[in-house]
Amino acid sequence: MGAGVGVPGQGPGADAGSPAVVGAGVGGAAAAHFLRQRFGRGARLAVLERAAPGGRVATVRLEGAGYEAGGAVLHPLNLHMKRFVSDL
């Protein structure tokens, strides 16, 4: 499921008129980050995720060692993602 801004007032923790980000992967985290920047800390913002946050990003264990898997492509021409990473 890709990230996007959900329907205000629907979903757990969302008030009428408050934005909701659907998905807590890299895209959802970026959307929530930029919404928080735009509307400030006082605005209510719900992030809706049906599973663990992280989306396709995961750590897998193989023969006792941890490896980062999934979400491996951050294209250098994606200026929004470059800005998001530099903000972190």
Protein backbone atom coordinates (compact mmCIF):
# COMPACT_ATOMS: atom_id res chain seq x y z
CA MET A 1 0.00 0.00 0.00
CA GLY A 2 1.49 3.36 -1.01
CA ALA A 3 1.41 6.39 1.19
CA GLY A 4 -0.98 9.23 0.69
CA VAL A 5 -3.08 11.67 2.61
CA GLY A 6 -6.21 9.94 3.88
CA VAL A 7 -9.77 11.15 4.22
CA PRO A 8 -10.05 13.54 7.20
CA GLY A 9 -12.09 12.19 10.09
CA GLN A 10 -11.77 8.52 9.15
CA GLY A 11 -9.58 5.95 10.83
CA PRO A 12 -8.34 5.50 14.39
CA GLY A 13 -7.02 8.65 16.03
CA ALA A 14 -8.25 11.01 13.30
CA ASP A 15 -10.50 14.01 14.02
CA ALA A 16 -12.78 15.64 11.47
CA GLY A 17 -10.57 18.09 9.63
CA SER A 18 -7.26 16.49 10.60
CA PRO A 19 -5.05 14.98 7.90
CA ALA A 20 -4.25 11.26 7.94
CA VAL A 21 -1.28 9.66 6.23
CA VAL A 22 -1.99 6.14 5.00
CA GLY A 23 1.10 3.96 5.36
CA ALA A 24 4.13 4.27 7.61
CA GLY A 25 6.82 3.27 5.13
CA VAL A 26 9.38 5.67 3.70
CA GLY A 27 6.71 7.50 1.66
CA GLY A 28 4.30 7.79 4.59
CA ALA A 29 7.08 8.96 6.92
CA ALA A 30 8.11 11.60 4.38
CA ALA A 31 4.49 12.75 3.93
CA ALA A 32 4.01 12.99 7.71
CA HIS A 33 7.30 14.88 8.05
CA PHE A 34 6.38 17.49 5.43
CA LEU A 35 2.81 17.86 6.75
CA ARG A 36 4.22 18.46 10.24
CA GLN A 37 6.61 21.07 8.81
CA ARG A 38 3.77 22.77 6.94
CA PHE A 39 1.16 22.80 9.72
CA GLY A 40 3.36 22.84 12.84
CA ARG A 41 3.53 20.77 16.00
CA GLY A 42 0.07 21.86 17.18
CA ALA A 43 -1.77 20.26 14.25
CA ARG A 44 -3.27 16.80 14.76
CA LEU A 45 -1.88 14.29 12.29
CA ALA A 46 -2.73 10.58 12.20
CA VAL A 47 -0.43 8.02 10.57
CA LEU A 48 -2.37 4.86 9.72
CA GLU A 49 -0.50 1.58 9.28
CA ARG A 50 -1.93 -1.94 9.32
CA ALA A 51 1.41 -3.59 10.16
CA ALA A 52 4.70 -2.52 11.70
CA PRO A 53 6.08 0.86 10.58
CA GLY A 54 8.78 0.74 7.94
CA GLY A 55 6.89 -0.56 4.91
CA ARG A 56 9.24 -2.59 2.75
CA VAL A 57 12.26 -1.58 4.84
CA ALA A 58 13.24 -4.47 7.09
CA THR A 59 16.19 -6.09 8.79
CA VAL A 60 16.61 -9.79 8.02
CA ARG A 61 18.85 -12.21 9.93
CA LEU A 62 20.98 -14.65 7.98
CA GLU A 63 23.46 -16.93 9.71
CA GLY A 64 23.50 -14.68 12.76
CA ALA A 65 24.13 -11.42 10.89
CA GLY A 66 21.62 -8.62 10.25
CA TYR A 67 21.10 -7.20 6.76
CA GLU A 68 18.93 -4.31 5.63
CA ALA A 69 16.46 -5.45 2.97
CA GLY A 70 13.78 -3.80 0.86
CA GLY A 71 13.24 -0.16 0.03
CA ALA A 72 16.73 -0.13 -1.44
CA VAL A 73 16.27 2.42 -4.23
CA LEU A 74 16.53 6.11 -3.35
CA HIS A 75 17.03 7.68 -6.75
CA PRO A 76 19.31 10.75 -6.77
CA LEU A 77 16.89 12.62 -9.06
CA ASN A 78 14.09 12.33 -6.47
CA LEU A 79 14.56 15.82 -5.03
CA HIS A 80 11.82 15.40 -2.41
CA MET A 81 13.49 12.28 -1.01
CA LYS A 82 16.94 13.92 -1.10
CA ARG A 83 15.55 16.84 0.93
CA PHE A 84 13.81 14.46 3.36
CA VAL A 85 17.04 12.50 3.95
CA SER A 86 19.07 15.69 4.42
CA ASP A 87 16.47 17.01 6.91
CA LEU A 88 16.93 13.88 9.02
